[in-house]
Amino acid sequence: MNVRKYCRISATVFSVVATAHFFRILNGWPMGIGDLSVPIIVSWFGLIGPGILAVWGHREARWNNSARSAER
């Protein structure tokens, strides 16, 4: 697997995770692990962290693609 494809796949996964956390915040969906209730503040971290990684992955994939075309 080349770097561009890896960055694209990783960015897509992080985008899905960030979107799920965004909708949880927006709709106030409850979340729990066993008997433990997970507060909404956890989803803010789940939105910001993967969101940054998704943007970074998409930029790396685009940069890697443009760098390759410049080499040709």
C-alpha atoms as a PDB file:
ATOM      1  CA  MET A   1       0.000   0.000   0.000  1.00  0.00           C
ATOM      2  CA  ASN A   2       1.437   3.367  -0.940  1.00  0.00           C
ATOM      3  CA  VAL A   3       1.538   6.419   1.335  1.00  0.00           C
ATOM      4  CA  ARG A   4      -1.180   8.305  -0.504  1.00  0.00           C
ATOM      5  CA  LYS A   5      -3.669   5.444  -0.186  1.00  0.00           C
ATOM      6  CA  TYR A   6      -2.781   4.938   3.494  1.00  0.00           C
ATOM      7  CA  CYS A   7      -3.344   8.642   4.236  1.00  0.00           C
ATOM      8  CA  ARG A   8      -6.674   8.610   2.377  1.00  0.00           C
ATOM      9  CA  ILE A   9      -7.962   5.555   4.253  1.00  0.00           C
ATOM     10  CA  SER A  10      -6.788   6.845   7.641  1.00  0.00           C
ATOM     11  CA  ALA A  11      -8.310  10.269   7.017  1.00  0.00           C
ATOM     12  CA  THR A  12     -11.616   8.688   6.023  1.00  0.00           C
ATOM     13  CA  VAL A  13     -11.748   6.600   9.202  1.00  0.00           C
ATOM     14  CA  PHE A  14     -10.928   9.634  11.358  1.00  0.00           C
ATOM     15  CA  SER A  15     -13.583  11.645   9.501  1.00  0.00           C
ATOM     16  CA  VAL A  16     -16.222   9.024  10.291  1.00  0.00           C
ATOM     17  CA  VAL A  17     -15.244   8.990  13.982  1.00  0.00           C
ATOM     18  CA  ALA A  18     -15.293  12.800  14.204  1.00  0.00           C
ATOM     19  CA  THR A  19     -18.677  12.926  12.444  1.00  0.00           C
ATOM     20  CA  ALA A  20     -20.137  10.364  14.861  1.00  0.00           C
ATOM     21  CA  HIS A  21     -18.967  12.431  17.823  1.00  0.00           C
ATOM     22  CA  PHE A  22     -20.347  15.585  16.220  1.00  0.00           C
ATOM     23  CA  PHE A  23     -23.798  14.022  15.860  1.00  0.00           C
ATOM     24  CA  ARG A  24     -23.632  12.733  19.429  1.00  0.00           C
ATOM     25  CA  ILE A  25     -22.966  16.270  20.665  1.00  0.00           C
ATOM     26  CA  LEU A  26     -25.619  17.746  18.404  1.00  0.00           C
ATOM     27  CA  ASN A  27     -28.355  15.263  19.336  1.00  0.00           C
ATOM     28  CA  GLY A  28     -27.325  14.608  22.938  1.00  0.00           C
ATOM     29  CA  TRP A  29     -27.193  10.847  22.394  1.00  0.00           C
ATOM     30  CA  PRO A  30     -26.340   8.882  25.522  1.00  0.00           C
ATOM     31  CA  MET A  31     -23.315   6.618  25.515  1.00  0.00           C
ATOM     32  CA  GLY A  32     -22.242   4.076  28.053  1.00  0.00           C
ATOM     33  CA  ILE A  33     -19.625   1.431  28.597  1.00  0.00           C
ATOM     34  CA  GLY A  34     -21.086  -1.255  30.812  1.00  0.00           C
ATOM     35  CA  ASP A  35     -22.606   0.531  33.797  1.00  0.00           C
ATOM     36  CA  LEU A  36     -20.525   3.675  33.229  1.00  0.00           C
ATOM     37  CA  SER A  37     -22.202   6.645  31.554  1.00  0.00           C
ATOM     38  CA  VAL A  38     -19.833   8.601  29.303  1.00  0.00           C
ATOM     39  CA  PRO A  39     -20.297  12.392  29.535  1.00  0.00           C
ATOM     40  CA  ILE A  40     -20.689  14.604  26.446  1.00  0.00           C
ATOM     41  CA  ILE A  41     -17.336  16.325  27.139  1.00  0.00           C
ATOM     42  CA  VAL A  42     -15.611  13.129  25.990  1.00  0.00           C
ATOM     43  CA  SER A  43     -17.201  13.606  22.570  1.00  0.00           C
ATOM     44  CA  TRP A  44     -15.673  17.081  22.308  1.00  0.00           C
ATOM     45  CA  PHE A  45     -12.246  15.443  22.547  1.00  0.00           C
ATOM     46  CA  GLY A  46     -13.483  12.751  20.159  1.00  0.00           C
ATOM     47  CA  LEU A  47     -14.460  15.482  17.706  1.00  0.00           C
ATOM     48  CA  ILE A  48     -11.352  17.658  17.926  1.00  0.00           C
ATOM     49  CA  GLY A  49      -8.654  14.945  17.985  1.00  0.00           C
ATOM     50  CA  PRO A  50      -9.844  12.807  15.081  1.00  0.00           C
ATOM     51  CA  GLY A  51     -10.964  15.942  13.221  1.00  0.00           C
ATOM     52  CA  ILE A  52      -7.417  17.301  13.263  1.00  0.00           C
ATOM     53  CA  LEU A  53      -6.026  13.921  12.221  1.00  0.00           C
ATOM     54  CA  ALA A  54      -8.562  13.696   9.363  1.00  0.00           C
ATOM     55  CA  VAL A  55      -7.594  17.114   8.011  1.00  0.00           C
ATOM     56  CA  TRP A  56      -3.925  16.224   8.344  1.00  0.00           C
ATOM     57  CA  GLY A  57      -4.422  12.911   6.508  1.00  0.00           C
ATOM     58  CA  HIS A  58      -6.317  14.516   3.633  1.00  0.00           C
ATOM     59  CA  ARG A  59      -3.654  17.217   3.290  1.00  0.00           C
ATOM     60  CA  GLU A  60      -0.850  14.642   3.333  1.00  0.00           C
ATOM     61  CA  ALA A  61      -2.588  12.563   0.669  1.00  0.00           C
ATOM     62  CA  ARG A  62      -3.050  15.629  -1.514  1.00  0.00           C
ATOM     63  CA  TRP A  63       0.536  16.815  -0.912  1.00  0.00           C
ATOM     64  CA  ASN A  64       1.912  13.366  -1.642  1.00  0.00           C
ATOM     65  CA  ASN A  65      -0.073  13.262  -4.887  1.00  0.00           C
ATOM     66  CA  SER A  66       1.135  16.700  -6.032  1.00  0.00           C
ATOM     67  CA  ALA A  67       4.731  15.905  -5.088  1.00  0.00           C
ATOM     68  CA  ARG A  68       4.607  12.762  -7.202  1.00  0.00           C
ATOM     69  CA  SER A  69       3.203  14.566 -10.210  1.00  0.00           C
ATOM     70  CA  ALA A  70       5.949  17.190  -9.881  1.00  0.00           C
ATOM     71  CA  GLU A  71       8.585  14.429  -9.996  1.00  0.00           C
ATOM     72  CA  ARG A  72       7.292  13.087 -13.312  1.00  0.00           C
END
